[in-house]
Amino acid sequence: MKTQPKNITKNQLFTNLDKFQSIDAEQDWSIVKGRIGFNKNRVGITFWRAAAIVVLILSIGFFANQYFQTPPSTMIAMTGENQQTIHLPDGSQVLLNKNTKLTYPEKFKRNNRLVNLTGEGFFEITRDPDKPFIVNVADRGNVEVLGTSFNIRATLLDEAVSVQVVEGSVAFYSHDAAAAQKILKKGDQAELLNGVITMNTDLDRNFLSWKTGVIYFDQDEITTVIDMLSRHYNREIILDNSVDKQLSFTSTIDNQEIESVLEELSLVMGISYSMDDKRILITGNE
């Protein structure tokens, strides 16, 4: 059944035409664009607000981690009248002489292995090309290696920092003049004094006597002998004015007690000695 179209009167036609002509297209489009823009703005605001929250959370996490993270503990090894062997976190090993202090971290950093030494120590370093091993010596100089063995002496009584390389090579430099470093190789000895590094051409054959227990004397004057024995046995030895300073001594002391060495001196050099808990006095025979 077909639906018959409604008859539209002339008046109705003109009324609808007036409504159509009264539409402001530009104004309506502005309203639509405004609503679209508002939605876009809301989306943008929501996005940046979310991003800011994420950044804030990450920042709080980072600073909280920095604040609450426990830094690596500093280990301190101090010797008194006895020597001590220290095993470092990287597998390296240090033999500390008497009256020596070594500080090192519980875990080394990613880019280096830094320790601090005051006194005397013999280092045997595990090789790691990506992590140089650095010894800060009594806040006066640095010894830097990759993997080697060497001896450092920088006691409170020593004015100079002394280094002897047993195996490998090291870079030796002062804190004030790192560019003027010296490369020491196997068998080299050097001293740092007043910021200047000097290579020793007259090698000290007793440089490692504290470690080996062996002291070599070859026509050494009595003053040199007494100084060496005083350092080796960590005893105050006083040379009386009655002793002839021209006396010389030749011998090899091999892990002997101080009393045994003094007896040998008295027989060979014709001197006398007396000792107590604090000091040893060397006198000449009348």
Protein backbone atom coordinates (compact mmCIF):
# COMPACT_ATOMS: atom_id res chain seq x y z
CA MET A 1 0.00 0.00 0.00
CA LYS A 2 1.54 3.23 -1.11
CA THR A 3 1.66 6.17 1.23
CA GLN A 4 0.29 9.29 -0.31
CA PRO A 5 2.55 12.33 0.02
CA LYS A 6 1.31 15.04 2.31
CA ASN A 7 0.19 18.18 0.65
CA ILE A 8 2.34 21.19 1.77
CA THR A 9 0.65 24.49 1.67
CA LYS A 10 2.30 27.53 0.29
CA ASN A 11 2.50 29.17 3.72
CA GLN A 12 4.28 26.09 5.21
CA LEU A 13 6.78 26.08 2.39
CA PHE A 14 7.73 29.71 2.96
CA THR A 15 8.00 29.13 6.74
CA ASN A 16 10.48 26.22 6.32
CA LEU A 17 12.46 28.21 3.80
CA ASP A 18 12.78 31.08 6.25
CA LYS A 19 14.19 28.69 8.93
CA PHE A 20 16.72 27.29 6.51
CA GLN A 21 17.82 30.75 5.41
CA SER A 22 18.16 31.85 9.03
CA ILE A 23 20.92 29.21 9.75
CA ASP A 24 24.38 30.86 10.44
CA ALA A 25 26.79 28.24 9.09
CA GLU A 26 29.99 30.05 10.21
CA GLN A 27 28.78 30.48 13.77
CA ASP A 28 27.72 26.85 14.05
CA TRP A 29 31.08 25.66 12.66
CA SER A 30 32.93 27.78 15.24
CA ILE A 31 30.93 26.17 18.00
CA VAL A 32 31.79 22.70 16.67
CA LYS A 33 35.49 23.55 16.32
CA GLY A 34 35.50 24.89 19.87
CA ARG A 35 34.06 21.66 21.18
CA ILE A 36 36.59 19.64 19.19
CA GLY A 37 39.43 21.83 20.47
CA PHE A 38 38.19 21.49 24.02
CA ASN A 39 38.28 17.72 23.72
CA LYS A 40 41.74 17.86 22.23
CA ASN A 41 42.89 20.12 25.05
CA ARG A 42 41.45 17.75 27.57
CA VAL A 43 43.29 14.87 25.93
CA GLY A 44 46.54 16.89 25.89
CA ILE A 45 46.16 17.94 29.52
CA THR A 46 45.47 14.37 30.54
CA PHE A 47 48.55 13.13 28.63
CA TRP A 48 50.97 15.68 30.10
CA ARG A 49 49.54 15.21 33.56
CA ALA A 50 50.16 11.47 33.28
CA ALA A 51 53.67 12.08 31.94
CA ALA A 52 54.46 14.45 34.82
CA ILE A 53 53.28 11.85 37.33
CA VAL A 54 55.53 9.21 35.73
CA VAL A 55 58.54 11.56 35.84
CA LEU A 56 57.78 12.42 39.46
CA ILE A 57 57.59 8.76 40.44
CA LEU A 58 60.87 7.99 38.66
CA SER A 59 62.57 10.98 40.29
CA ILE A 60 61.37 9.98 43.74
CA GLY A 61 62.59 6.44 43.13
CA PHE A 62 66.01 7.64 41.93
CA PHE A 63 66.63 10.00 44.84
CA ALA A 64 65.28 7.51 47.34
CA ASN A 65 67.65 4.91 45.95
CA GLN A 66 70.55 7.39 46.20
CA TYR A 67 69.59 8.31 49.74
CA PHE A 68 68.83 4.92 51.16
CA GLN A 69 71.38 2.88 49.22
CA THR A 70 74.15 1.75 51.54
CA PRO A 71 77.54 2.87 50.19
CA PRO A 72 80.34 0.30 50.03
CA SER A 73 81.92 -0.12 53.42
CA THR A 74 85.47 1.12 53.90
CA MET A 75 87.76 -1.58 55.21
CA ILE A 76 90.71 -0.61 57.39
CA ALA A 77 93.69 -2.86 58.04
CA MET A 78 96.24 -1.68 60.60
CA THR A 79 99.30 -3.58 61.76
CA GLY A 80 101.20 -3.14 64.98
CA GLU A 81 104.23 -5.24 65.78
CA ASN A 82 103.30 -7.98 63.33
CA GLN A 83 102.98 -8.21 59.57
CA GLN A 84 99.63 -9.04 58.00
CA THR A 85 98.42 -10.36 54.64
CA ILE A 86 95.29 -8.69 53.23
CA HIS A 87 93.16 -10.24 50.47
CA LEU A 88 91.42 -7.56 48.43
CA PRO A 89 87.96 -7.88 46.75
CA ASP A 90 89.47 -8.42 43.28
CA GLY A 91 91.72 -11.28 44.39
CA SER A 92 94.83 -9.10 44.75
CA GLN A 93 97.00 -9.62 47.81
CA VAL A 94 98.95 -7.19 49.99
CA LEU A 95 101.54 -8.05 52.62
CA LEU A 96 101.65 -5.19 55.12
CA ASN A 97 104.78 -4.46 57.10
CA LYS A 98 104.66 -3.48 60.77
CA ASN A 99 103.00 -0.18 61.71
CA THR A 100 101.20 0.11 58.38
CA LYS A 101 97.67 1.21 57.50
CA LEU A 102 95.71 0.16 54.41
CA THR A 103 92.19 1.34 53.59
CA TYR A 104 90.13 -0.10 50.73
CA PRO A 105 86.45 -0.48 49.79
CA GLU A 106 84.48 -3.63 50.48
CA LYS A 107 83.75 -3.65 46.74
CA PHE A 108 85.74 -1.81 44.08
CA LYS A 109 84.10 0.70 41.73
CA ARG A 110 83.40 -0.07 38.08
CA ASN A 111 86.23 2.01 36.62
CA ASN A 112 89.14 1.58 39.07
CA ARG A 113 90.50 -0.14 42.14
CA LEU A 114 91.66 2.50 44.60
CA VAL A 115 93.36 1.82 47.95
CA ASN A 116 95.22 4.05 50.41
CA LEU A 117 98.52 3.12 52.04
CA THR A 118 100.55 4.64 54.84
CA GLY A 119 103.58 2.59 55.79
CA GLU A 120 105.03 -0.24 53.73
CA GLY A 121 103.40 -2.96 51.69
CA PHE A 122 104.16 -5.55 49.04
CA PHE A 123 101.41 -5.74 46.41
CA GLU A 124 100.58 -8.66 44.12
CA ILE A 125 97.87 -7.37 41.79
CA THR A 126 95.32 -9.41 39.84
CA ARG A 127 95.36 -8.22 36.24
CA ASP A 128 92.28 -6.36 34.97
CA PRO A 129 92.84 -4.12 31.91
CA ASP A 130 89.46 -2.43 32.42
CA LYS A 131 90.15 -1.51 36.05
CA PRO A 132 93.54 0.04 36.81
CA PHE A 133 94.77 -0.57 40.35
CA ILE A 134 95.75 2.70 42.06
CA VAL A 135 97.60 3.06 45.35
CA ASN A 136 97.28 6.48 46.95
CA VAL A 137 100.51 6.63 48.94
CA ALA A 138 100.30 8.72 52.11
CA ASP A 139 98.42 11.42 50.15
CA ARG A 140 101.65 12.34 48.36
CA GLY A 141 101.69 10.25 45.20
CA ASN A 142 100.03 7.48 43.23
CA VAL A 143 101.21 4.15 41.90
CA GLU A 144 98.99 2.87 39.08
CA VAL A 145 99.11 -0.63 37.60
CA LEU A 146 97.06 -3.16 35.66
CA GLY A 147 98.63 -6.31 37.05
CA THR A 148 102.05 -6.67 38.62
CA SER A 149 103.94 -6.97 41.92
CA PHE A 150 105.77 -4.14 43.62
CA ASN A 151 106.82 -2.75 46.98
CA ILE A 152 105.92 0.68 48.37
CA ARG A 153 107.50 2.37 51.37
CA ALA A 154 106.02 5.57 52.78
CA THR A 155 106.26 5.46 56.55
CA LEU A 156 105.69 8.48 58.76
CA LEU A 157 109.45 8.65 59.35
CA ASP A 158 110.31 8.59 55.64
CA GLU A 159 110.44 11.88 53.80
CA ALA A 160 110.37 10.09 50.45
CA VAL A 161 107.93 7.62 48.92
CA SER A 162 109.92 4.66 47.58
CA VAL A 163 108.76 2.13 44.98
CA GLN A 164 110.41 -1.02 43.69
CA VAL A 165 108.90 -3.11 40.89
CA VAL A 166 109.36 -6.88 41.08
CA GLU A 167 107.20 -7.91 38.10
CA GLY A 168 105.43 -5.96 35.35
CA SER A 169 105.43 -2.18 35.27
CA VAL A 170 103.79 0.74 37.08
CA ALA A 171 103.12 4.43 36.55
CA PHE A 172 104.52 6.48 39.44
CA TYR A 173 103.47 10.11 39.87
CA SER A 174 102.88 12.77 42.48
CA HIS A 175 99.50 14.30 43.20
CA ASP A 176 100.77 17.71 42.13
CA ALA A 177 102.41 16.64 38.87
CA ALA A 178 100.59 13.67 37.37
CA ALA A 179 101.86 14.58 33.90
CA ALA A 180 105.47 14.12 35.03
CA GLN A 181 104.95 10.44 35.77
CA LYS A 182 107.67 7.82 35.55
CA ILE A 183 107.12 4.34 34.13
CA LEU A 184 108.91 1.80 36.30
CA LYS A 185 109.66 -1.68 34.98
CA LYS A 186 110.88 -4.88 36.55
CA GLY A 187 113.85 -4.20 38.81
CA ASP A 188 113.42 -0.40 38.82
CA GLN A 189 113.49 1.62 42.01
CA ALA A 190 112.40 5.24 42.36
CA GLU A 191 111.76 7.84 45.04
CA LEU A 192 109.28 10.69 45.23
CA LEU A 193 110.56 13.60 47.30
CA ASN A 194 109.14 17.13 47.32
CA GLY A 195 107.10 16.37 44.21
CA VAL A 196 110.09 15.14 42.20
CA ILE A 197 110.61 11.50 41.17
CA THR A 198 114.18 10.22 40.98
CA MET A 199 115.24 6.88 39.56
CA ASN A 200 117.69 4.98 41.77
CA THR A 201 120.75 3.85 39.86
CA ASP A 202 122.36 2.46 43.02
CA LEU A 203 119.77 -0.19 43.84
CA ASP A 204 118.99 -0.97 47.46
CA ARG A 205 119.54 -4.71 47.75
CA ASN A 206 117.73 -4.73 51.09
CA PHE A 207 114.56 -3.06 49.86
CA LEU A 208 112.53 -6.23 50.45
CA SER A 209 114.37 -7.43 53.54
CA TRP A 210 111.31 -6.81 55.70
CA LYS A 211 109.46 -9.35 53.55
CA THR A 212 112.23 -11.92 52.97
CA GLY A 213 113.89 -11.61 56.38
CA VAL A 214 117.32 -11.52 54.66
CA ILE A 215 119.68 -8.53 55.04
CA TYR A 216 122.88 -8.17 53.04
CA PHE A 217 125.85 -6.15 54.32
CA ASP A 218 128.91 -5.68 52.15
CA GLN A 219 131.55 -3.47 53.73
CA ASP A 220 128.83 -1.15 55.01
CA GLU A 221 129.77 1.44 57.60
CA ILE A 222 128.52 0.99 61.14
CA THR A 223 126.06 3.90 60.86
CA THR A 224 124.42 2.29 57.80
CA VAL A 225 124.29 -1.07 59.58
CA ILE A 226 122.62 0.40 62.64
CA ASP A 227 120.04 2.31 60.59
CA MET A 228 119.15 -0.84 58.65
CA LEU A 229 118.85 -2.98 61.76
CA SER A 230 116.75 -0.35 63.51
CA ARG A 231 114.29 -0.29 60.61
CA HIS A 232 114.24 -4.05 60.12
CA TYR A 233 113.65 -4.94 63.77
CA ASN A 234 111.59 -1.84 64.53
CA ARG A 235 113.79 -1.03 67.52
CA GLU A 236 115.51 2.16 68.61
CA ILE A 237 119.25 1.55 68.35
CA ILE A 238 121.57 4.27 69.60
CA LEU A 239 125.19 4.46 68.51
CA ASP A 240 127.33 5.89 71.30
CA ASN A 241 130.06 8.43 70.50
CA SER A 242 132.63 5.95 71.76
CA VAL A 243 132.07 3.79 68.65
CA ASP A 244 134.50 4.25 65.74
CA LYS A 245 132.32 5.42 62.86
CA GLN A 246 134.82 4.02 60.33
CA LEU A 247 134.03 0.43 61.29
CA SER A 248 132.52 -1.67 58.48
CA PHE A 249 130.56 -4.90 58.44
CA THR A 250 130.09 -7.72 55.90
CA SER A 251 127.55 -10.46 56.53
CA THR A 252 124.21 -11.95 55.53
CA ILE A 253 121.51 -11.86 58.20
CA ASP A 254 118.98 -14.57 57.45
CA ASN A 255 115.85 -14.40 59.62
CA GLN A 256 117.85 -14.12 62.85
CA GLU A 257 116.73 -12.72 66.17
CA ILE A 258 118.10 -9.29 67.07
CA GLU A 259 120.15 -10.72 69.95
CA SER A 260 121.94 -13.08 67.55
CA VAL A 261 122.80 -10.19 65.22
CA LEU A 262 124.11 -8.04 68.09
CA GLU A 263 126.34 -10.89 69.24
CA GLU A 264 127.76 -11.18 65.74
CA LEU A 265 128.40 -7.44 65.60
CA SER A 266 130.17 -7.44 68.91
CA LEU A 267 132.48 -10.30 67.86
CA VAL A 268 133.31 -8.99 64.39
CA MET A 269 133.50 -5.27 65.14
CA GLY A 270 134.72 -5.32 68.72
CA ILE A 271 131.80 -3.40 70.20
CA SER A 272 129.48 -3.88 73.15
CA TYR A 273 125.73 -3.52 73.53
CA SER A 274 123.05 -3.30 76.19
CA MET A 275 119.32 -3.52 75.66
CA ASP A 276 116.02 -3.11 77.43
CA ASP A 277 112.39 -3.02 76.31
CA LYS A 278 112.71 0.48 74.83
CA ARG A 279 116.12 0.75 73.19
CA ILE A 280 119.48 -0.79 72.34
CA LEU A 281 122.72 1.04 73.12
CA ILE A 282 125.89 0.28 71.11
CA THR A 283 129.15 1.28 72.75
CA GLY A 284 132.81 0.91 71.83
CA ASN A 285 135.23 -1.29 73.72
CA GLU A 286 137.92 0.67 75.57
